[in-house]
């Protein structure tokens, strides 16, 4: 554990600090006597990137978000893009005060699992999207995780855009790198970032749907294989994953429709056709996800029907062998009653004759049942 000297005034490191520390005491760095240290470390970890853009170009430097906002407001075409990943309450409260966010917006940004939506809080628009990620796996089991979901919130203000991401899925590093190469798009300001995030999420939906389709094709091939067919639990597990994926994709239609129909008057005119393109791709993703769900329902019902048929076939086989055994039991039971007067009871060949009748009856019944398909 690292230690530092701290005096009564909290100054350390210099000669005066050491002298003050001699009068004070030695404490661990980041201990309970420095309650803000953990929040500072968590805040720095939560800030993925913070940059100022002027005229569609990123300005040099990565300062504090408060300083970046001041710099952006000095330029007519400047704005700040602050990226956060699972921020804590302290950091989010500071960000809210700096950017003038509504307390409801700050509270929503701290919690994950929201339904996709677009809301207006004052002069800030909150756009919520669900993220998705395909989880690689060697084989599908009844506990396999196929689709991992999270969410990302895009807070669009007059001179800033804040992206808050929860979960492992939906990293926006590639989105930022791509946008910085498209100055003609970035000149539209914060809403260009909102469009790029929507486009990235929809593209990921299509990618994940393609991977799930391959899993479904493999499951479909083995679902009706006798002996080694897919278990119902495996089909149901994949259906649960598809339902989770479906909950991420389908609800985004209404927020995008509002943006396309220009129900948000702060969306720049030049971005209208971009959102139309995203809405079209989302429609394809919705169709693919619905198709996956419908096909899974069909496979599950067919597999359940096949299990029922297999059980009926097994019961028919059991009943057939029971009938064959019943004939032998009946003959042996009759001749085992030890009556004095019975046909062929004192005949020399009575015993082998009885065995022959039993064998002939069994073979005849077996042949009849086999022809009828019971065996």
Protein backbone atom coordinates (compact mmCIF):
# COMPACT_ATOMS: atom_id res chain seq x y z
CA UNK A 1 0.00 0.00 0.00
CA UNK A 2 1.32 3.40 -1.00
CA UNK A 3 1.42 6.14 1.62
CA UNK A 4 1.69 9.88 1.40
CA UNK A 5 2.20 12.55 3.99
CA UNK A 6 -0.75 14.82 4.63
CA UNK A 7 -0.86 17.66 7.11
CA UNK A 8 -3.79 19.52 8.51
CA UNK A 9 -4.21 21.49 5.31
CA UNK A 10 -3.97 18.39 3.12
CA UNK A 11 -0.78 19.59 1.35
CA UNK A 12 1.95 17.06 0.69
CA UNK A 13 4.88 16.34 -1.56
CA UNK A 14 6.95 19.53 -0.99
CA UNK A 15 9.26 20.40 1.89
CA UNK A 16 6.53 22.43 3.53
CA UNK A 17 4.20 19.53 3.01
CA UNK A 18 6.62 17.14 4.70
CA UNK A 19 7.02 19.52 7.64
CA UNK A 20 3.25 19.82 7.84
CA UNK A 21 2.99 16.07 7.60
CA UNK A 22 5.37 15.69 10.54
CA UNK A 23 2.81 17.52 12.61
CA UNK A 24 0.01 15.56 11.03
CA UNK A 25 -0.15 11.84 10.44
CA UNK A 26 0.58 9.30 7.75
CA UNK A 27 -2.52 7.96 5.96
CA UNK A 28 -2.99 5.57 3.01
CA UNK A 29 -3.59 7.19 -0.36
CA UNK A 30 -7.27 7.07 -1.20
CA UNK A 31 -8.27 6.02 2.33
CA UNK A 32 -11.47 6.89 4.15
CA UNK A 33 -9.87 10.20 5.15
CA UNK A 34 -9.97 11.12 1.45
CA UNK A 35 -13.54 10.21 0.50
CA UNK A 36 -13.39 11.95 -2.86
CA UNK A 37 -10.49 9.85 -4.17
CA UNK A 38 -12.67 6.84 -5.05
CA UNK A 39 -15.17 9.08 -6.83
CA UNK A 40 -12.37 10.73 -8.80
CA UNK A 41 -10.98 7.37 -9.88
CA UNK A 42 -14.45 6.13 -10.81
CA UNK A 43 -15.16 9.33 -12.69
CA UNK A 44 -11.96 9.10 -14.71
CA UNK A 45 -12.72 5.49 -15.56
CA UNK A 46 -16.28 6.33 -16.62
CA UNK A 47 -15.22 9.11 -19.02
CA UNK A 48 -14.39 7.30 -22.25
CA UNK A 49 -13.66 10.43 -24.29
CA UNK A 50 -14.39 14.14 -24.28
CA UNK A 51 -13.69 16.35 -27.28
CA UNK A 52 -14.64 19.68 -28.79
CA UNK A 53 -15.71 19.81 -32.45
CA UNK A 54 -15.71 23.01 -34.44
CA UNK A 55 -16.95 23.06 -38.01
CA UNK A 56 -17.07 19.28 -38.01
CA UNK A 57 -13.43 18.91 -36.98
CA UNK A 58 -12.12 17.65 -33.70
CA UNK A 59 -10.04 20.19 -31.83
CA UNK A 60 -6.78 19.13 -30.20
CA UNK A 61 -6.70 18.39 -26.51
CA UNK A 62 -8.72 16.26 -24.09
CA UNK A 63 -9.55 18.55 -21.20
CA UNK A 64 -12.21 18.45 -18.52
CA UNK A 65 -15.77 18.39 -19.83
CA UNK A 66 -16.56 21.69 -18.11
CA UNK A 67 -13.62 23.36 -19.85
CA UNK A 68 -14.61 21.71 -23.13
CA UNK A 69 -18.13 23.14 -22.86
CA UNK A 70 -16.74 26.64 -22.30
CA UNK A 71 -14.51 26.26 -25.36
CA UNK A 72 -17.40 25.02 -27.49
CA UNK A 73 -19.66 27.91 -26.53
CA UNK A 74 -17.05 30.39 -27.71
CA UNK A 75 -17.55 29.19 -31.28
CA UNK A 76 -20.83 29.44 -33.15
CA UNK A 77 -20.42 26.00 -34.77
CA UNK A 78 -18.77 24.25 -31.83
CA UNK A 79 -20.10 21.45 -29.65
CA UNK A 80 -18.85 18.92 -27.09
CA UNK A 81 -19.14 15.14 -27.33
CA UNK A 82 -18.78 13.53 -23.90
CA UNK A 83 -18.75 9.72 -23.81
CA UNK A 84 -19.49 7.93 -20.54
CA UNK A 85 -19.56 4.25 -19.66
CA UNK A 86 -21.54 3.25 -16.56
CA UNK A 87 -20.97 6.51 -14.66
CA UNK A 88 -21.50 6.75 -10.93
CA UNK A 89 -24.01 8.97 -9.19
CA UNK A 90 -21.41 11.57 -8.18
CA UNK A 91 -20.00 11.97 -11.66
CA UNK A 92 -23.42 12.04 -13.30
CA UNK A 93 -24.62 14.70 -10.88
CA UNK A 94 -21.60 16.85 -11.72
CA UNK A 95 -22.21 16.34 -15.44
CA UNK A 96 -25.87 17.28 -14.93
CA UNK A 97 -24.98 20.52 -13.19
CA UNK A 98 -22.36 21.40 -15.80
CA UNK A 99 -24.60 20.81 -18.82
CA UNK A 100 -27.86 21.91 -17.19
CA UNK A 101 -29.57 18.51 -17.36
CA UNK A 102 -32.93 17.87 -15.76
CA UNK A 103 -32.83 15.75 -12.61
CA UNK A 104 -35.04 13.14 -14.26
CA UNK A 105 -32.56 12.87 -17.12
CA UNK A 106 -29.70 12.41 -14.67
CA UNK A 107 -31.65 9.71 -12.83
CA UNK A 108 -32.46 7.85 -16.03
CA UNK A 109 -28.83 7.90 -17.13
CA UNK A 110 -27.80 6.06 -13.97
CA UNK A 111 -30.10 3.08 -14.53
CA UNK A 112 -29.95 0.58 -17.36
CA UNK A 113 -32.71 -1.48 -18.92
CA UNK A 114 -34.83 1.36 -20.33
CA UNK A 115 -37.12 0.81 -23.27
CA UNK A 116 -36.06 2.56 -26.51
CA UNK A 117 -37.65 5.99 -26.55
CA UNK A 118 -37.15 9.63 -27.45
CA UNK A 119 -38.10 12.26 -24.88
CA UNK A 120 -37.70 15.99 -24.49
CA UNK A 121 -36.58 17.45 -21.15
CA UNK A 122 -36.32 21.19 -21.55
CA UNK A 123 -33.90 21.94 -24.37
CA UNK A 124 -32.31 18.49 -24.10
CA UNK A 125 -33.55 15.49 -26.09
CA UNK A 126 -33.03 12.04 -24.59
CA UNK A 127 -32.73 9.19 -27.07
CA UNK A 128 -32.59 5.69 -25.58
CA UNK A 129 -31.43 2.70 -27.63
CA UNK A 130 -30.79 -0.92 -26.74
CA UNK A 131 -27.41 -2.38 -27.62
CA UNK A 132 -26.79 -5.97 -28.68
CA UNK A 133 -23.81 -8.27 -29.04
CA UNK A 134 -23.52 -11.84 -30.33
CA UNK A 135 -21.80 -14.13 -27.85
CA UNK A 136 -19.57 -16.68 -29.54
CA UNK A 137 -20.07 -20.30 -28.41
CA UNK A 138 -18.85 -23.68 -29.61
CA UNK A 139 -22.22 -25.39 -29.22
CA UNK A 140 -25.73 -24.52 -28.18
CA UNK A 141 -26.73 -25.85 -24.77
CA UNK A 142 -29.71 -25.28 -22.52
CA UNK A 143 -27.74 -22.53 -20.72
CA UNK A 144 -25.89 -20.89 -23.63
CA UNK A 145 -25.83 -17.10 -23.80
CA UNK A 146 -26.33 -16.14 -27.42
CA UNK A 147 -27.23 -12.44 -27.33
CA UNK A 148 -25.93 -9.95 -24.77
CA UNK A 149 -27.83 -6.67 -24.51
CA UNK A 150 -27.32 -3.32 -22.84
CA UNK A 151 -28.36 0.22 -23.55
CA UNK A 152 -26.97 3.57 -24.64
CA UNK A 153 -28.52 6.95 -23.96
CA UNK A 154 -27.84 9.92 -26.21
CA UNK A 155 -28.43 13.33 -24.62
CA UNK A 156 -28.59 15.96 -27.33
CA UNK A 157 -28.36 19.59 -26.28
CA UNK A 158 -27.79 22.90 -28.08
CA UNK A 159 -23.98 22.75 -27.84
CA UNK A 160 -23.30 19.23 -26.60
CA UNK A 161 -24.07 15.57 -26.96
CA UNK A 162 -23.54 13.08 -24.14
CA UNK A 163 -23.56 9.33 -24.72
CA UNK A 164 -24.05 7.13 -21.65
CA UNK A 165 -23.55 3.42 -22.21
CA UNK A 166 -24.42 0.54 -19.89
CA UNK A 167 -23.23 -3.03 -20.44
CA UNK A 168 -20.42 -4.57 -22.46
CA UNK A 169 -22.22 -4.28 -25.79
CA UNK A 170 -22.45 -1.19 -27.96
CA UNK A 171 -18.97 0.35 -27.75
CA UNK A 172 -18.93 3.67 -29.61
CA UNK A 173 -15.20 3.98 -30.31
CA UNK A 174 -15.66 2.95 -33.93
CA UNK A 175 -18.58 5.37 -34.29
CA UNK A 176 -16.46 8.29 -33.11
CA UNK A 177 -13.55 7.32 -35.38
CA UNK A 178 -15.84 7.03 -38.39
CA UNK A 179 -17.59 10.33 -37.73
CA UNK A 180 -14.31 12.17 -37.42
CA UNK A 181 -13.58 11.14 -40.99
CA UNK A 182 -16.91 12.55 -42.22
CA UNK A 183 -16.70 16.28 -41.74
CA UNK A 184 -19.69 16.89 -44.02
CA UNK A 185 -21.82 14.96 -41.55
CA UNK A 186 -20.27 16.33 -38.37
CA UNK A 187 -21.06 19.93 -39.38
CA UNK A 188 -24.69 19.17 -38.50
CA UNK A 189 -23.66 19.20 -34.85
CA UNK A 190 -24.80 17.00 -31.96
CA UNK A 191 -27.63 15.40 -33.95
CA UNK A 192 -25.04 13.94 -36.34
CA UNK A 193 -23.75 11.91 -33.37
CA UNK A 194 -27.30 10.80 -32.56
CA UNK A 195 -27.76 9.62 -36.14
CA UNK A 196 -24.43 7.77 -36.15
CA UNK A 197 -25.26 5.96 -32.91
CA UNK A 198 -28.65 4.90 -34.29
CA UNK A 199 -27.05 3.71 -37.52
CA UNK A 200 -24.43 1.72 -35.62
CA UNK A 201 -27.01 0.03 -33.39
CA UNK A 202 -29.15 -0.96 -36.38
CA UNK A 203 -26.12 -2.34 -38.24
CA UNK A 204 -25.25 -4.42 -35.18
CA UNK A 205 -28.83 -5.71 -35.05
CA UNK A 206 -28.47 -6.99 -38.61
CA UNK A 207 -25.09 -8.58 -37.80
CA UNK A 208 -26.43 -10.32 -34.70
CA UNK A 209 -29.48 -11.51 -36.62
CA UNK A 210 -27.18 -13.10 -39.21
CA UNK A 211 -25.24 -14.99 -36.52
CA UNK A 212 -28.43 -16.16 -34.82
CA UNK A 213 -29.74 -17.38 -38.18
CA UNK A 214 -26.69 -19.64 -38.51
CA UNK A 215 -27.34 -21.05 -35.03
CA UNK A 216 -30.94 -21.60 -36.01
CA UNK A 217 -29.97 -23.40 -39.21
CA UNK A 218 -27.77 -25.80 -37.24
CA UNK A 219 -30.52 -26.32 -34.70
CA UNK A 220 -33.02 -26.99 -37.45
CA UNK A 221 -30.79 -29.65 -38.99
CA UNK A 222 -30.49 -31.57 -35.72
CA UNK A 223 -33.97 -30.92 -34.37
CA UNK A 224 -35.50 -33.91 -36.18
CA UNK A 225 -32.53 -36.28 -36.01
CA UNK A 226 -33.47 -39.48 -34.21
CA UNK A 227 -31.45 -40.33 -31.16
CA UNK A 228 -29.20 -37.22 -31.32
CA UNK A 229 -31.84 -34.58 -31.99
CA UNK A 230 -31.76 -31.22 -30.26
CA UNK A 231 -33.32 -31.16 -26.82
CA UNK A 232 -36.39 -29.05 -26.25
CA UNK A 233 -34.39 -27.17 -23.58
CA UNK A 234 -31.86 -26.05 -26.20
CA UNK A 235 -34.60 -24.77 -28.51
CA UNK A 236 -36.28 -22.98 -25.64
CA UNK A 237 -32.99 -21.38 -24.55
CA UNK A 238 -32.39 -20.02 -28.04
CA UNK A 239 -35.97 -18.74 -28.09
CA UNK A 240 -35.37 -16.88 -24.83
CA UNK A 241 -32.28 -15.25 -26.33
CA UNK A 242 -34.22 -14.28 -29.46
CA UNK A 243 -36.99 -12.78 -27.32
CA UNK A 244 -34.38 -10.69 -25.49
CA UNK A 245 -32.99 -9.58 -28.84
CA UNK A 246 -36.50 -8.84 -30.06
CA UNK A 247 -37.14 -6.56 -27.10
CA UNK A 248 -34.09 -4.53 -28.11
CA UNK A 249 -34.99 -4.16 -31.80
CA UNK A 250 -38.76 -3.78 -32.14
CA UNK A 251 -39.40 -0.89 -29.70
CA UNK A 252 -36.93 1.34 -31.59
CA UNK A 253 -39.40 1.71 -34.47
CA UNK A 254 -41.51 4.36 -32.78
CA UNK A 255 -38.64 6.68 -31.72
CA UNK A 256 -37.15 6.52 -35.22
CA UNK A 257 -40.55 7.17 -36.74
CA UNK A 258 -40.81 10.34 -34.66
CA UNK A 259 -37.40 11.49 -35.88
CA UNK A 260 -38.22 10.65 -39.49
CA UNK A 261 -41.55 12.46 -39.36
CA UNK A 262 -39.75 15.48 -37.93
CA UNK A 263 -41.78 15.51 -34.74
CA UNK A 264 -38.59 16.82 -33.14
CA UNK A 265 -38.16 20.30 -34.58
CA UNK A 266 -34.55 20.56 -33.39
CA UNK A 267 -33.34 17.90 -35.85
CA UNK A 268 -31.35 19.63 -38.64
CA UNK A 269 -32.90 19.55 -42.10
CA UNK A 270 -29.83 17.94 -43.61
CA UNK A 271 -30.17 14.83 -41.43
CA UNK A 272 -33.73 13.93 -42.41
CA UNK A 273 -32.82 11.52 -45.19
CA UNK A 274 -30.15 9.93 -42.98
CA UNK A 275 -32.74 8.97 -40.40
CA UNK A 276 -34.99 7.68 -43.19
CA UNK A 277 -32.18 5.36 -44.27
CA UNK A 278 -31.72 4.11 -40.69
CA UNK A 279 -35.46 3.52 -40.40
CA UNK A 280 -35.40 1.41 -43.56
CA UNK A 281 -32.56 -0.74 -42.26
CA UNK A 282 -34.35 -1.11 -38.94
CA UNK A 283 -37.40 -2.41 -40.81
CA UNK A 284 -35.23 -5.13 -42.34
CA UNK A 285 -33.84 -5.99 -38.92
CA UNK A 286 -37.37 -6.20 -37.50
CA UNK A 287 -38.45 -8.54 -40.30
CA UNK A 288 -35.45 -10.80 -39.71
CA UNK A 289 -35.98 -10.93 -35.96
CA UNK A 290 -39.68 -11.68 -36.37
CA UNK A 291 -38.78 -14.40 -38.87
CA UNK A 292 -36.35 -15.93 -36.38
CA UNK A 293 -38.99 -15.95 -33.68
CA UNK A 294 -41.63 -17.49 -35.95
CA UNK A 295 -39.24 -20.18 -37.18
CA UNK A 296 -38.22 -21.01 -33.62
CA UNK A 297 -41.87 -21.37 -32.66
CA UNK A 298 -42.39 -23.76 -35.57
CA UNK A 299 -39.31 -25.81 -34.68
CA UNK A 300 -40.33 -25.96 -31.03
CA UNK A 301 -43.86 -27.10 -31.86
CA UNK A 302 -42.59 -29.64 -34.40
CA UNK A 303 -40.04 -30.98 -31.92
CA UNK A 304 -42.70 -31.32 -29.23
CA UNK A 305 -44.92 -33.14 -31.72
CA UNK A 306 -42.03 -35.41 -32.66
CA UNK A 307 -41.39 -36.21 -29.00
CA UNK A 308 -45.06 -37.14 -28.63
CA UNK A 309 -44.93 -39.37 -31.72
CA UNK A 310 -41.75 -41.06 -30.46
CA UNK A 311 -43.42 -41.70 -27.12
CA UNK A 312 -46.45 -43.18 -28.88
CA UNK A 313 -44.20 -45.44 -30.95
CA UNK A 314 -42.45 -46.60 -27.83
CA UNK A 315 -45.78 -47.33 -26.16
CA UNK A 316 -46.88 -49.35 -29.21
CA UNK A 317 -43.70 -51.42 -29.05
CA UNK A 318 -44.14 -52.00 -25.35
CA UNK A 319 -47.78 -53.02 -25.88
CA UNK A 320 -46.78 -55.40 -28.70
CA UNK A 321 -44.18 -57.20 -26.61
CA UNK A 322 -46.62 -57.31 -23.71
CA UNK A 323 -49.20 -59.00 -25.99
CA UNK A 324 -46.65 -61.60 -27.10
CA UNK A 325 -45.68 -62.27 -23.51
CA UNK A 326 -49.35 -62.49 -22.51
CA UNK A 327 -49.95 -65.44 -24.90
CA UNK A 328 -47.11 -67.41 -23.33
CA UNK A 329 -48.30 -66.51 -19.87
CA UNK A 330 -51.86 -67.60 -20.66
CA UNK A 331 -50.81 -71.02 -21.97
CA UNK A 332 -48.40 -71.60 -19.08
CA UNK A 333 -51.03 -70.47 -16.59
CA UNK A 334 -53.67 -72.84 -17.92
CA UNK A 335 -51.40 -75.87 -17.81
CA UNK A 336 -50.09 -74.84 -14.44
CA UNK A 337 -53.45 -75.12 -12.69
CA UNK A 338 -52.84 -78.85 -11.96
CA UNK A 339 -56.31 -80.15 -12.80
CA UNK A 340 -56.58 -83.94 -13.06
CA UNK A 341 -58.52 -83.99 -16.30
CA UNK A 342 -56.91 -81.76 -18.91
CA UNK A 343 -56.31 -82.41 -22.64
CA UNK A 344 -52.99 -84.06 -23.35
CA UNK A 345 -52.05 -83.91 -19.65
CA UNK A 346 -50.70 -87.47 -19.60
CA UNK A 347 -49.43 -87.47 -23.17
CA UNK A 348 -45.73 -88.29 -23.56
CA UNK A 349 -45.15 -85.40 -25.94
CA UNK A 350 -47.43 -82.97 -24.13
CA UNK A 351 -44.64 -80.81 -22.71
CA UNK A 352 -42.72 -80.22 -25.97
CA UNK A 353 -46.03 -79.81 -27.77
CA UNK A 354 -47.06 -77.04 -25.33
CA UNK A 355 -43.71 -75.30 -25.83
CA UNK A 356 -44.13 -75.55 -29.59
CA UNK A 357 -47.60 -74.02 -29.43
CA UNK A 358 -46.26 -71.19 -27.29
CA UNK A 359 -43.38 -70.50 -29.70
CA UNK A 360 -45.65 -70.67 -32.77
CA UNK A 361 -48.18 -68.32 -31.19
CA UNK A 362 -45.43 -65.86 -30.24
CA UNK A 363 -43.83 -65.88 -33.71
CA UNK A 364 -47.19 -65.53 -35.42
CA UNK A 365 -48.17 -62.57 -33.25
CA UNK A 366 -44.76 -60.96 -33.76
CA UNK A 367 -45.12 -61.27 -37.53
CA UNK A 368 -48.59 -59.77 -37.51
CA UNK A 369 -47.56 -56.82 -35.30
CA UNK A 370 -44.45 -56.17 -37.38
CA UNK A 371 -46.49 -55.98 -40.57
CA UNK A 372 -48.87 -53.51 -38.98
CA UNK A 373 -45.98 -51.25 -37.96
CA UNK A 374 -46.20 -51.75 -34.23
CA UNK A 375 -42.77 -53.41 -34.08
